[in-house]
Amino acid sequence: MFPTTTLQTCIVHLIRNSLDFARRQERRALAQAIRPIYTAPSAEAALAELEAFAQGPGGQKFPTVRSAWRRAWDKVIPLFVFPSAVRKVIYTTHAIESVNARLCKNIKTRGHFPSDEAASTLIWLALRNITADWGRAAQDWKTARDQFAILYDERFAQVIHQSRAQLLAHRISDTSRRLPAIRNGLLILRSDRPTALWRMLWIRGLERS
């Protein structure tokens, strides 16, 4: 559906799946053995570390771990295009999974929807509630954003423009909803903190480009 999307596997999940093949008392040593792979400075160095692991005692003892990393390798190496600070932002999907889980919970409790518009409205309201307590961007997010702007260039600029337009519409809608309260003298209002919502909107737009 999105032919220009860069696919990156979740490194954290790959590590967890690898540790599942070891007994509890062996997991610390296995985690240390595979750490040089995903912390390597480049894709070439990471491949060399993977081969070293495969030929070493860890790879010989856990051949299934070696095979799991080799099968996923095409979706591991996109990570190495980015500097180390950026990798910390994109190498895990925990934030996305958290949003998806909470959306699924809201959808399941409603059951049937009379129309697509009703479903879209529920999802939009759920996202508002989910992002309301997102106080600040992820660590190293500004560094990551700058690197994305360099690597994706025109696509990034287009998505930023679209996301700002959506955020402006969101703010206008929210202001209209709050005006009666302001007129009635209720000047202490909760901040919706839209930074995280803006971030999510442009990432989704980047996937669709």
N, C-alpha and C. Protein backbone atom coordinates (compact mmCIF):
# COMPACT_ATOMS: atom_id res chain seq x y z
N MET A 1 0.82 -1.20 0.00
CA MET A 1 0.00 0.00 0.00
C MET A 1 0.87 1.26 0.00
N PHE A 2 2.00 1.21 0.72
CA PHE A 2 2.91 2.35 0.81
C PHE A 2 4.27 1.93 0.27
N PRO A 3 4.45 1.95 -1.05
CA PRO A 3 5.66 1.36 -1.66
C PRO A 3 6.96 2.06 -1.29
N THR A 4 6.91 3.31 -0.87
CA THR A 4 8.15 4.02 -0.55
C THR A 4 8.48 4.00 0.94
N THR A 5 7.72 3.25 1.72
CA THR A 5 7.95 3.19 3.15
C THR A 5 9.20 2.37 3.46
N THR A 6 10.00 2.85 4.39
CA THR A 6 11.15 2.10 4.89
C THR A 6 10.70 1.22 6.04
N LEU A 7 10.91 -0.08 5.92
CA LEU A 7 10.47 -1.03 6.93
C LEU A 7 11.62 -1.32 7.90
N GLN A 8 11.38 -1.08 9.17
CA GLN A 8 12.37 -1.34 10.20
C GLN A 8 11.75 -2.23 11.27
N THR A 9 12.37 -3.39 11.50
CA THR A 9 11.85 -4.28 12.54
C THR A 9 12.15 -3.69 13.91
N CYS A 10 11.39 -4.09 14.90
CA CYS A 10 11.61 -3.64 16.27
C CYS A 10 12.78 -4.42 16.86
N ILE A 11 13.87 -3.74 17.14
CA ILE A 11 15.06 -4.39 17.68
C ILE A 11 14.78 -4.97 19.06
N VAL A 12 14.00 -4.27 19.86
CA VAL A 12 13.68 -4.75 21.20
C VAL A 12 12.96 -6.09 21.13
N HIS A 13 12.00 -6.22 20.23
CA HIS A 13 11.29 -7.48 20.09
C HIS A 13 12.20 -8.59 19.57
N LEU A 14 13.10 -8.24 18.67
CA LEU A 14 14.04 -9.23 18.15
C LEU A 14 14.94 -9.73 19.27
N ILE A 15 15.36 -8.84 20.15
CA ILE A 15 16.18 -9.25 21.30
C ILE A 15 15.38 -10.15 22.23
N ARG A 16 14.14 -9.76 22.51
CA ARG A 16 13.31 -10.57 23.40
C ARG A 16 13.05 -11.96 22.82
N ASN A 17 12.78 -12.01 21.52
CA ASN A 17 12.57 -13.31 20.88
C ASN A 17 13.83 -14.17 20.97
N SER A 18 15.00 -13.53 20.85
CA SER A 18 16.26 -14.26 20.96
C SER A 18 16.44 -14.83 22.36
N LEU A 19 16.11 -14.04 23.36
CA LEU A 19 16.28 -14.50 24.74
C LEU A 19 15.32 -15.61 25.11
N ASP A 20 14.21 -15.72 24.40
CA ASP A 20 13.25 -16.79 24.67
C ASP A 20 13.84 -18.17 24.40
N PHE A 21 14.89 -18.24 23.58
CA PHE A 21 15.51 -19.53 23.26
C PHE A 21 16.49 -19.98 24.33
N ALA A 22 16.76 -19.12 25.30
CA ALA A 22 17.73 -19.45 26.35
C ALA A 22 17.03 -19.65 27.69
N ARG A 23 17.68 -20.43 28.56
CA ARG A 23 17.17 -20.57 29.91
C ARG A 23 17.42 -19.28 30.68
N ARG A 24 16.68 -19.13 31.78
CA ARG A 24 16.74 -17.87 32.52
C ARG A 24 18.16 -17.51 32.93
N GLN A 25 18.92 -18.48 33.40
CA GLN A 25 20.27 -18.19 33.87
C GLN A 25 21.25 -17.92 32.72
N GLU A 26 20.83 -18.19 31.47
CA GLU A 26 21.69 -17.97 30.33
C GLU A 26 21.38 -16.66 29.58
N ARG A 27 20.32 -16.00 29.95
CA ARG A 27 19.85 -14.86 29.17
C ARG A 27 20.77 -13.65 29.27
N ARG A 28 21.35 -13.41 30.42
CA ARG A 28 22.24 -12.26 30.56
C ARG A 28 23.45 -12.39 29.64
N ALA A 29 24.04 -13.59 29.62
CA ALA A 29 25.21 -13.81 28.77
C ALA A 29 24.83 -13.72 27.29
N LEU A 30 23.65 -14.23 26.92
CA LEU A 30 23.21 -14.16 25.53
C LEU A 30 22.94 -12.72 25.12
N ALA A 31 22.33 -11.94 26.00
CA ALA A 31 22.06 -10.53 25.70
C ALA A 31 23.35 -9.77 25.47
N GLN A 32 24.37 -10.05 26.25
CA GLN A 32 25.67 -9.40 26.06
C GLN A 32 26.33 -9.83 24.76
N ALA A 33 26.08 -11.08 24.36
CA ALA A 33 26.70 -11.60 23.14
C ALA A 33 26.11 -10.98 21.88
N ILE A 34 24.81 -10.67 21.89
CA ILE A 34 24.18 -10.11 20.69
C ILE A 34 24.18 -8.59 20.68
N ARG A 35 24.52 -7.98 21.80
CA ARG A 35 24.52 -6.51 21.86
C ARG A 35 25.43 -5.85 20.84
N PRO A 36 26.64 -6.37 20.56
CA PRO A 36 27.49 -5.72 19.55
C PRO A 36 26.88 -5.67 18.16
N ILE A 37 25.88 -6.52 17.90
CA ILE A 37 25.27 -6.54 16.56
C ILE A 37 24.48 -5.26 16.33
N TYR A 38 23.54 -4.96 17.23
CA TYR A 38 22.66 -3.80 17.00
C TYR A 38 23.26 -2.48 17.47
N THR A 39 24.40 -2.52 18.15
CA THR A 39 25.08 -1.28 18.54
C THR A 39 26.26 -0.96 17.63
N ALA A 40 26.44 -1.73 16.56
CA ALA A 40 27.55 -1.50 15.63
C ALA A 40 27.39 -0.15 14.94
N PRO A 41 28.49 0.47 14.51
CA PRO A 41 28.40 1.80 13.89
C PRO A 41 27.83 1.80 12.47
N SER A 42 27.83 0.65 11.80
CA SER A 42 27.34 0.59 10.41
C SER A 42 26.76 -0.79 10.13
N ALA A 43 26.08 -0.90 8.99
CA ALA A 43 25.50 -2.19 8.61
C ALA A 43 26.59 -3.23 8.35
N GLU A 44 27.68 -2.82 7.75
CA GLU A 44 28.78 -3.74 7.47
C GLU A 44 29.39 -4.26 8.78
N ALA A 45 29.60 -3.36 9.73
CA ALA A 45 30.15 -3.77 11.02
C ALA A 45 29.16 -4.67 11.76
N ALA A 46 27.86 -4.38 11.64
CA ALA A 46 26.85 -5.21 12.29
C ALA A 46 26.84 -6.63 11.71
N LEU A 47 26.99 -6.73 10.38
CA LEU A 47 27.04 -8.04 9.74
C LEU A 47 28.27 -8.82 10.21
N ALA A 48 29.39 -8.13 10.36
CA ALA A 48 30.60 -8.78 10.85
C ALA A 48 30.39 -9.28 12.28
N GLU A 49 29.70 -8.49 13.10
CA GLU A 49 29.42 -8.91 14.48
C GLU A 49 28.46 -10.10 14.49
N LEU A 50 27.50 -10.12 13.57
CA LEU A 50 26.58 -11.25 13.48
C LEU A 50 27.32 -12.52 13.11
N GLU A 51 28.25 -12.43 12.16
CA GLU A 51 29.03 -13.60 11.76
C GLU A 51 29.93 -14.05 12.91
N ALA A 52 30.49 -13.08 13.65
CA ALA A 52 31.33 -13.44 14.79
C ALA A 52 30.51 -14.15 15.86
N PHE A 53 29.28 -13.68 16.07
CA PHE A 53 28.40 -14.35 17.03
C PHE A 53 28.05 -15.75 16.55
N ALA A 54 27.74 -15.88 15.25
CA ALA A 54 27.34 -17.18 14.70
C ALA A 54 28.46 -18.21 14.83
N GLN A 55 29.70 -17.79 14.68
CA GLN A 55 30.82 -18.71 14.75
C GLN A 55 31.37 -18.88 16.16
N GLY A 56 30.91 -18.04 17.07
CA GLY A 56 31.37 -18.11 18.44
C GLY A 56 30.56 -19.08 19.28
N PRO A 57 30.87 -19.15 20.57
CA PRO A 57 30.15 -20.09 21.45
C PRO A 57 28.65 -19.81 21.55
N GLY A 58 28.27 -18.48 21.50
CA GLY A 58 26.85 -18.15 21.58
C GLY A 58 26.07 -18.66 20.39
N GLY A 59 26.62 -18.47 19.19
CA GLY A 59 25.95 -18.95 17.99
C GLY A 59 25.90 -20.45 17.88
N GLN A 60 26.93 -21.10 18.36
CA GLN A 60 26.96 -22.56 18.34
C GLN A 60 25.96 -23.15 19.34
N LYS A 61 25.79 -22.48 20.45
CA LYS A 61 24.87 -22.98 21.48
C LYS A 61 23.43 -22.63 21.15
N PHE A 62 23.23 -21.49 20.47
CA PHE A 62 21.88 -21.04 20.14
C PHE A 62 21.75 -20.80 18.64
N PRO A 63 21.74 -21.85 17.84
CA PRO A 63 21.63 -21.66 16.38
C PRO A 63 20.32 -21.02 15.95
N THR A 64 19.26 -21.20 16.75
CA THR A 64 17.97 -20.59 16.41
C THR A 64 18.04 -19.06 16.51
N VAL A 65 18.85 -18.55 17.43
CA VAL A 65 19.03 -17.10 17.55
C VAL A 65 19.76 -16.57 16.33
N ARG A 66 20.79 -17.27 15.95
CA ARG A 66 21.55 -16.90 14.75
C ARG A 66 20.64 -16.86 13.53
N SER A 67 19.81 -17.87 13.38
CA SER A 67 18.90 -17.94 12.23
C SER A 67 17.85 -16.83 12.27
N ALA A 68 17.36 -16.52 13.48
CA ALA A 68 16.32 -15.48 13.61
C ALA A 68 16.86 -14.13 13.16
N TRP A 69 18.08 -13.80 13.53
CA TRP A 69 18.67 -12.52 13.10
C TRP A 69 18.94 -12.50 11.61
N ARG A 70 19.36 -13.61 11.06
CA ARG A 70 19.63 -13.65 9.61
C ARG A 70 18.34 -13.53 8.81
N ARG A 71 17.26 -14.13 9.27
CA ARG A 71 15.98 -14.03 8.56
C ARG A 71 15.46 -12.59 8.57
N ALA A 72 15.68 -11.90 9.67
CA ALA A 72 15.16 -10.53 9.81
C ALA A 72 16.15 -9.47 9.34
N TRP A 73 17.30 -9.89 8.78
CA TRP A 73 18.38 -8.95 8.54
C TRP A 73 18.00 -7.80 7.61
N ASP A 74 17.22 -8.08 6.57
CA ASP A 74 16.83 -7.02 5.63
C ASP A 74 16.05 -5.91 6.32
N LYS A 75 15.37 -6.24 7.41
CA LYS A 75 14.59 -5.25 8.14
C LYS A 75 15.32 -4.75 9.39
N VAL A 76 16.53 -5.25 9.61
CA VAL A 76 17.36 -4.75 10.71
C VAL A 76 18.26 -3.62 10.23
N ILE A 77 18.83 -3.78 9.04
CA ILE A 77 19.87 -2.86 8.57
C ILE A 77 19.40 -1.44 8.25
N PRO A 78 18.11 -1.15 7.96
CA PRO A 78 17.75 0.26 7.77
C PRO A 78 18.11 1.14 8.96
N LEU A 79 18.17 0.55 10.14
CA LEU A 79 18.50 1.30 11.35
C LEU A 79 19.86 1.99 11.25
N PHE A 80 20.81 1.37 10.54
CA PHE A 80 22.18 1.86 10.54
C PHE A 80 22.39 3.06 9.61
N VAL A 81 21.36 3.46 8.90
CA VAL A 81 21.45 4.68 8.10
C VAL A 81 21.49 5.91 9.01
N PHE A 82 20.92 5.79 10.21
CA PHE A 82 20.77 6.91 11.11
C PHE A 82 21.88 6.95 12.15
N PRO A 83 22.19 8.14 12.67
CA PRO A 83 23.14 8.26 13.78
C PRO A 83 22.61 7.55 15.03
N SER A 84 23.49 7.29 15.97
CA SER A 84 23.12 6.53 17.15
C SER A 84 22.00 7.20 17.96
N ALA A 85 22.01 8.53 18.04
CA ALA A 85 20.97 9.22 18.79
C ALA A 85 19.59 9.01 18.18
N VAL A 86 19.53 8.94 16.85
CA VAL A 86 18.26 8.73 16.16
C VAL A 86 17.78 7.29 16.34
N ARG A 87 18.70 6.37 16.37
CA ARG A 87 18.32 4.96 16.52
C ARG A 87 17.53 4.71 17.78
N LYS A 88 17.84 5.45 18.85
CA LYS A 88 17.13 5.27 20.10
C LYS A 88 15.66 5.64 19.96
N VAL A 89 15.34 6.51 19.01
CA VAL A 89 13.96 6.94 18.80
C VAL A 89 13.18 5.92 18.00
N ILE A 90 13.84 5.25 17.05
CA ILE A 90 13.10 4.42 16.08
C ILE A 90 13.31 2.92 16.25
N TYR A 91 14.20 2.48 17.15
CA TYR A 91 14.47 1.03 17.15
C TYR A 91 13.48 0.22 18.00
N THR A 92 12.50 0.88 18.60
CA THR A 92 11.46 0.17 19.32
C THR A 92 10.09 0.68 18.90
N THR A 93 9.10 -0.20 18.93
CA THR A 93 7.73 0.17 18.54
C THR A 93 6.81 0.25 19.75
N HIS A 94 7.34 0.40 20.94
CA HIS A 94 6.52 0.41 22.16
C HIS A 94 5.45 1.49 22.12
N ALA A 95 5.81 2.70 21.69
CA ALA A 95 4.83 3.79 21.69
C ALA A 95 3.68 3.50 20.73
N ILE A 96 4.02 2.99 19.54
CA ILE A 96 2.99 2.67 18.56
C ILE A 96 2.08 1.56 19.08
N GLU A 97 2.69 0.53 19.69
CA GLU A 97 1.90 -0.59 20.21
C GLU A 97 0.98 -0.15 21.34
N SER A 98 1.46 0.79 22.15
CA SER A 98 0.62 1.30 23.24
C SER A 98 -0.61 2.01 22.69
N VAL A 99 -0.40 2.83 21.65
CA VAL A 99 -1.53 3.53 21.03
C VAL A 99 -2.49 2.53 20.40
N ASN A 100 -1.96 1.56 19.67
CA ASN A 100 -2.82 0.56 19.02
C ASN A 100 -3.64 -0.23 20.04
N ALA A 101 -3.00 -0.60 21.16
CA ALA A 101 -3.69 -1.37 22.19
C ALA A 101 -4.85 -0.59 22.79
N ARG A 102 -4.62 0.68 23.04
CA ARG A 102 -5.68 1.51 23.63
C ARG A 102 -6.80 1.79 22.62
N LEU A 103 -6.44 1.92 21.35
CA LEU A 103 -7.47 2.09 20.32
C LEU A 103 -8.32 0.83 20.22
N CYS A 104 -7.67 -0.34 20.22
CA CYS A 104 -8.41 -1.61 20.14
C CYS A 104 -9.36 -1.77 21.33
N LYS A 105 -8.91 -1.35 22.49
CA LYS A 105 -9.75 -1.45 23.69
C LYS A 105 -11.00 -0.60 23.53
N ASN A 106 -10.85 0.62 23.01
CA ASN A 106 -12.00 1.50 22.81
C ASN A 106 -12.95 0.95 21.75
N ILE A 107 -12.40 0.38 20.69
CA ILE A 107 -13.23 -0.14 19.61
C ILE A 107 -14.01 -1.38 20.06
N LYS A 108 -13.36 -2.27 20.81
CA LYS A 108 -14.01 -3.51 21.23
C LYS A 108 -15.17 -3.25 22.19
N THR A 109 -15.03 -2.23 23.02
CA THR A 109 -16.11 -1.96 23.97
C THR A 109 -17.35 -1.39 23.29
N ARG A 110 -17.19 -0.83 22.06
CA ARG A 110 -18.34 -0.25 21.36
C ARG A 110 -19.08 -1.29 20.52
N GLY A 111 -18.36 -2.29 20.06
CA GLY A 111 -19.00 -3.33 19.25
C GLY A 111 -19.30 -2.89 17.85
N HIS A 112 -20.58 -2.62 17.56
CA HIS A 112 -21.04 -2.32 16.20
C HIS A 112 -21.04 -0.81 15.95
N PHE A 113 -20.65 -0.43 14.72
CA PHE A 113 -20.69 0.97 14.31
C PHE A 113 -21.68 1.12 13.16
N PRO A 114 -22.58 2.10 13.24
CA PRO A 114 -23.59 2.26 12.18
C PRO A 114 -23.01 2.74 10.86
N SER A 115 -21.81 3.37 10.89
CA SER A 115 -21.22 3.90 9.66
C SER A 115 -19.72 4.04 9.85
N ASP A 116 -19.02 4.23 8.72
CA ASP A 116 -17.58 4.47 8.78
C ASP A 116 -17.28 5.78 9.50
N GLU A 117 -18.14 6.75 9.33
CA GLU A 117 -17.94 8.05 9.98
C GLU A 117 -18.00 7.90 11.50
N ALA A 118 -18.89 7.05 11.97
CA ALA A 118 -19.00 6.83 13.41
C ALA A 118 -17.72 6.20 13.95
N ALA A 119 -17.17 5.24 13.21
CA ALA A 119 -15.92 4.60 13.62
C ALA A 119 -14.77 5.59 13.61
N SER A 120 -14.70 6.41 12.57
CA SER A 120 -13.63 7.41 12.48
C SER A 120 -13.72 8.41 13.62
N THR A 121 -14.95 8.81 13.96
CA THR A 121 -15.13 9.77 15.06
C THR A 121 -14.66 9.18 16.38
N LEU A 122 -14.99 7.91 16.61
CA LEU A 122 -14.56 7.26 17.85
C LEU A 122 -13.03 7.19 17.93
N ILE A 123 -12.42 6.82 16.81
CA ILE A 123 -10.95 6.73 16.80
C ILE A 123 -10.33 8.09 17.06
N TRP A 124 -10.88 9.13 16.44
CA TRP A 124 -10.36 10.49 16.64
C TRP A 124 -10.48 10.91 18.10
N LEU A 125 -11.62 10.64 18.72
CA LEU A 125 -11.82 11.00 20.13
C LEU A 125 -10.88 10.19 21.02
N ALA A 126 -10.69 8.92 20.68
CA ALA A 126 -9.78 8.08 21.47
C ALA A 126 -8.35 8.60 21.39
N LEU A 127 -7.94 9.03 20.20
CA LEU A 127 -6.59 9.58 20.03
C LEU A 127 -6.43 10.87 20.83
N ARG A 128 -7.46 11.68 20.89
CA ARG A 128 -7.41 12.90 21.70
C ARG A 128 -7.16 12.56 23.16
N ASN A 129 -7.86 11.55 23.67
CA ASN A 129 -7.68 11.15 25.07
C ASN A 129 -6.30 10.54 25.31
N ILE A 130 -5.83 9.75 24.34
CA ILE A 130 -4.53 9.09 24.49
C ILE A 130 -3.40 10.11 24.53
N THR A 131 -3.49 11.11 23.65
CA THR A 131 -2.39 12.08 23.53
C THR A 131 -2.51 13.26 24.49
N ALA A 132 -3.59 13.33 25.25
CA ALA A 132 -3.80 14.48 26.14
C ALA A 132 -2.73 14.58 27.21
N ASP A 133 -2.19 13.41 27.65
CA ASP A 133 -1.19 13.43 28.72
C ASP A 133 0.23 13.25 28.20
N TRP A 134 0.43 13.43 26.90
CA TRP A 134 1.78 13.37 26.34
C TRP A 134 2.40 14.75 26.51
N GLY A 135 3.18 14.93 27.54
CA GLY A 135 3.67 16.25 27.90
C GLY A 135 4.81 16.77 27.05
N ARG A 136 5.65 15.89 26.52
CA ARG A 136 6.80 16.35 25.75
C ARG A 136 7.22 15.29 24.75
N ALA A 137 8.03 15.70 23.80
CA ALA A 137 8.49 14.78 22.76
C ALA A 137 9.49 13.78 23.35
N ALA A 138 9.72 12.71 22.60
CA ALA A 138 10.67 11.69 23.04
C ALA A 138 12.08 12.26 23.12
N GLN A 139 12.90 11.63 23.94
CA GLN A 139 14.29 12.05 24.05
C GLN A 139 14.99 11.94 22.69
N ASP A 140 15.80 12.94 22.37
CA ASP A 140 16.54 12.99 21.10
C ASP A 140 15.62 13.17 19.89
N TRP A 141 14.35 13.57 20.12
CA TRP A 141 13.43 13.69 19.00
C TRP A 141 13.85 14.78 18.02
N LYS A 142 14.35 15.90 18.52
CA LYS A 142 14.73 16.99 17.62
C LYS A 142 15.89 16.57 16.72
N THR A 143 16.84 15.83 17.28
CA THR A 143 17.95 15.32 16.47
C THR A 143 17.43 14.37 15.41
N ALA A 144 16.51 13.50 15.80
CA ALA A 144 15.93 12.55 14.84
C ALA A 144 15.17 13.28 13.75
N ARG A 145 14.41 14.29 14.13
CA ARG A 145 13.62 15.05 13.14
C ARG A 145 14.53 15.70 12.11
N ASP A 146 15.66 16.25 12.56
CA ASP A 146 16.59 16.88 11.63
C ASP A 146 17.17 15.87 10.65
N GLN A 147 17.48 14.69 11.14
CA GLN A 147 18.01 13.65 10.26
C GLN A 147 16.97 13.17 9.26
N PHE A 148 15.72 13.06 9.70
CA PHE A 148 14.65 12.68 8.79
C PHE A 148 14.49 13.72 7.68
N ALA A 149 14.62 14.99 8.06
CA ALA A 149 14.50 16.06 7.07
C ALA A 149 15.58 15.96 6.01
N ILE A 150 16.78 15.53 6.40
CA ILE A 150 17.88 15.38 5.45
C ILE A 150 17.67 14.16 4.56
N LEU A 151 17.28 13.05 5.16
CA LEU A 151 17.19 11.79 4.42
C LEU A 151 15.97 11.74 3.51
N TYR A 152 14.85 12.33 3.96
CA TYR A 152 13.60 12.22 3.21
C TYR A 152 13.24 13.50 2.46
N ASP A 153 13.93 14.58 2.73
CA ASP A 153 13.88 15.82 1.96
C ASP A 153 12.46 16.25 1.61
N GLU A 154 12.06 16.14 0.33
CA GLU A 154 10.78 16.67 -0.13
C GLU A 154 9.60 15.96 0.53
N ARG A 155 9.73 14.67 0.75
CA ARG A 155 8.65 13.94 1.41
C ARG A 155 8.44 14.47 2.82
N PHE A 156 9.54 14.75 3.50
CA PHE A 156 9.45 15.27 4.86
C PHE A 156 8.77 16.64 4.87
N ALA A 157 9.18 17.52 3.96
CA ALA A 157 8.61 18.86 3.90
C ALA A 157 7.11 18.80 3.61
N GLN A 158 6.72 17.91 2.71
CA GLN A 158 5.30 17.78 2.37
C GLN A 158 4.48 17.31 3.57
N VAL A 159 5.02 16.34 4.29
CA VAL A 159 4.31 15.81 5.44
C VAL A 159 4.21 16.85 6.55
N ILE A 160 5.30 17.61 6.75
CA ILE A 160 5.27 18.66 7.76
C ILE A 160 4.17 19.67 7.44
N HIS A 161 4.05 20.06 6.18
CA HIS A 161 3.02 21.01 5.77
C HIS A 161 1.63 20.45 6.04
N GLN A 162 1.40 19.19 5.67
CA GLN A 162 0.10 18.58 5.88
C GLN A 162 -0.23 18.46 7.38
N SER A 163 0.79 18.07 8.17
CA SER A 163 0.57 17.87 9.60
C SER A 163 0.26 19.18 10.30
N ARG A 164 0.95 20.26 9.89
CA ARG A 164 0.67 21.55 10.49
C ARG A 164 -0.74 22.02 10.16
N ALA A 165 -1.19 21.73 8.94
CA ALA A 165 -2.55 22.10 8.56
C ALA A 165 -3.57 21.34 9.41
N GLN A 166 -3.31 20.04 9.63
CA GLN A 166 -4.21 19.24 10.46
C GLN A 166 -4.19 19.72 11.90
N LEU A 167 -2.99 20.07 12.39
CA LEU A 167 -2.89 20.55 13.76
C LEU A 167 -3.61 21.87 13.93
N LEU A 168 -3.49 22.75 12.93
CA LEU A 168 -4.20 24.03 12.99
C LEU A 168 -5.70 23.81 13.03
N ALA A 169 -6.19 22.88 12.20
CA ALA A 169 -7.62 22.58 12.22
C ALA A 169 -8.04 22.03 13.59
N HIS A 170 -7.17 21.20 14.17
CA HIS A 170 -7.44 20.64 15.50
C HIS A 170 -7.54 21.76 16.53
N ARG A 171 -6.61 22.73 16.47
CA ARG A 171 -6.61 23.83 17.43
C ARG A 171 -7.84 24.72 17.26
N ILE A 172 -8.21 24.97 16.00
CA ILE A 172 -9.40 25.80 15.74
C ILE A 172 -10.65 25.13 16.29
N SER A 173 -10.76 23.82 16.04
CA SER A 173 -11.91 23.08 16.54
C SER A 173 -11.94 23.09 18.07
N ASP A 174 -10.76 22.90 18.68
CA ASP A 174 -10.70 22.87 20.13
C ASP A 174 -11.03 24.25 20.71
N THR A 175 -10.54 25.32 20.06
CA THR A 175 -10.82 26.67 20.55
C THR A 175 -12.32 26.97 20.48
N SER A 176 -12.94 26.54 19.38
CA SER A 176 -14.38 26.77 19.24
C SER A 176 -15.15 26.06 20.34
N ARG A 177 -14.68 24.89 20.71
CA ARG A 177 -15.35 24.13 21.76
C ARG A 177 -15.19 24.82 23.11
N ARG A 178 -14.06 25.50 23.33
CA ARG A 178 -13.77 26.09 24.62
C ARG A 178 -14.30 27.53 24.77
N LEU A 179 -14.68 28.17 23.67
CA LEU A 179 -15.08 29.58 23.76
C LEU A 179 -16.19 29.85 24.77
N PRO A 180 -17.26 29.06 24.85
CA PRO A 180 -18.29 29.35 25.84
C PRO A 180 -17.73 29.38 27.26
N ALA A 181 -16.79 28.46 27.56
CA ALA A 181 -16.22 28.44 28.90
C ALA A 181 -15.39 29.69 29.16
N ILE A 182 -14.69 30.16 28.12
CA ILE A 182 -13.89 31.38 28.27
C ILE A 182 -14.80 32.57 28.50
N ARG A 183 -15.89 32.63 27.76
CA ARG A 183 -16.82 33.76 27.91
C ARG A 183 -17.44 33.78 29.31
N ASN A 184 -17.61 32.61 29.88
CA ASN A 184 -18.20 32.52 31.22
C ASN A 184 -17.17 32.79 32.31
N GLY A 185 -15.95 33.15 31.93
CA GLY A 185 -14.96 33.54 32.91
C GLY A 185 -14.10 32.41 33.43
N LEU A 186 -14.20 31.20 32.83
CA LEU A 186 -13.39 30.07 33.27
C LEU A 186 -12.04 30.15 32.55
N LEU A 187 -11.11 30.87 33.14
CA LEU A 187 -9.85 31.17 32.48
C LEU A 187 -8.80 30.10 32.73
N ILE A 188 -8.97 29.22 33.70
CA ILE A 188 -7.99 28.16 33.98
C ILE A 188 -8.41 26.94 33.18
N LEU A 189 -7.69 26.70 32.07
CA LEU A 189 -8.06 25.62 31.16
C LEU A 189 -6.92 24.61 31.06
N ARG A 190 -7.27 23.37 30.87
CA ARG A 190 -6.27 22.32 30.71
C ARG A 190 -5.60 22.43 29.34
N SER A 191 -4.29 22.28 29.29
CA SER A 191 -3.56 22.32 28.03
C SER A 191 -3.62 20.96 27.35
N ASP A 192 -3.91 20.96 26.07
CA ASP A 192 -3.96 19.69 25.33
C ASP A 192 -2.59 19.23 24.87
N ARG A 193 -1.56 20.07 24.96
CA ARG A 193 -0.19 19.71 24.62
C ARG A 193 -0.13 18.95 23.30
N PRO A 194 -0.23 19.62 22.16
CA PRO A 194 -0.38 18.94 20.87
C PRO A 194 0.91 18.44 20.26
N THR A 195 2.07 18.61 20.93
CA THR A 195 3.34 18.25 20.32
C THR A 195 3.37 16.79 19.90
N ALA A 196 2.95 15.90 20.81
CA ALA A 196 3.00 14.47 20.50
C ALA A 196 2.03 14.12 19.38
N LEU A 197 0.86 14.77 19.36
CA LEU A 197 -0.10 14.52 18.30
C LEU A 197 0.48 14.94 16.96
N TRP A 198 1.15 16.10 16.93
CA TRP A 198 1.78 16.58 15.69
C TRP A 198 2.80 15.58 15.21
N ARG A 199 3.59 15.04 16.14
CA ARG A 199 4.61 14.07 15.77
C ARG A 199 3.98 12.83 15.14
N MET A 200 2.90 12.33 15.74
CA MET A 200 2.26 11.14 15.22
C MET A 200 1.65 11.39 13.85
N LEU A 201 1.07 12.58 13.64
CA LEU A 201 0.45 12.89 12.36
C LEU A 201 1.47 12.89 11.23
N TRP A 202 2.66 13.48 11.45
CA TRP A 202 3.60 13.54 10.33
C TRP A 202 4.26 12.21 10.09
N ILE A 203 4.41 11.36 11.14
CA ILE A 203 4.95 10.02 10.90
C ILE A 203 4.00 9.22 10.04
N ARG A 204 2.70 9.32 10.32
CA ARG A 204 1.71 8.60 9.51
C ARG A 204 1.72 9.13 8.07
N GLY A 205 1.90 10.43 7.92
CA GLY A 205 1.95 11.01 6.58
C GLY A 205 3.19 10.55 5.83
N LEU A 206 4.31 10.40 6.55
CA LEU A 206 5.54 9.95 5.92
C LEU A 206 5.40 8.52 5.40
N GLU A 207 4.64 7.70 6.13
CA GLU A 207 4.39 6.33 5.69
C GLU A 207 3.54 6.31 4.42
N ARG A 208 2.66 7.27 4.31
CA ARG A 208 1.74 7.28 3.15
C ARG A 208 2.36 7.90 1.92
N SER A 209 3.48 8.61 2.06
CA SER A 209 4.08 9.31 0.92
C SER A 209 4.61 8.33 -0.11
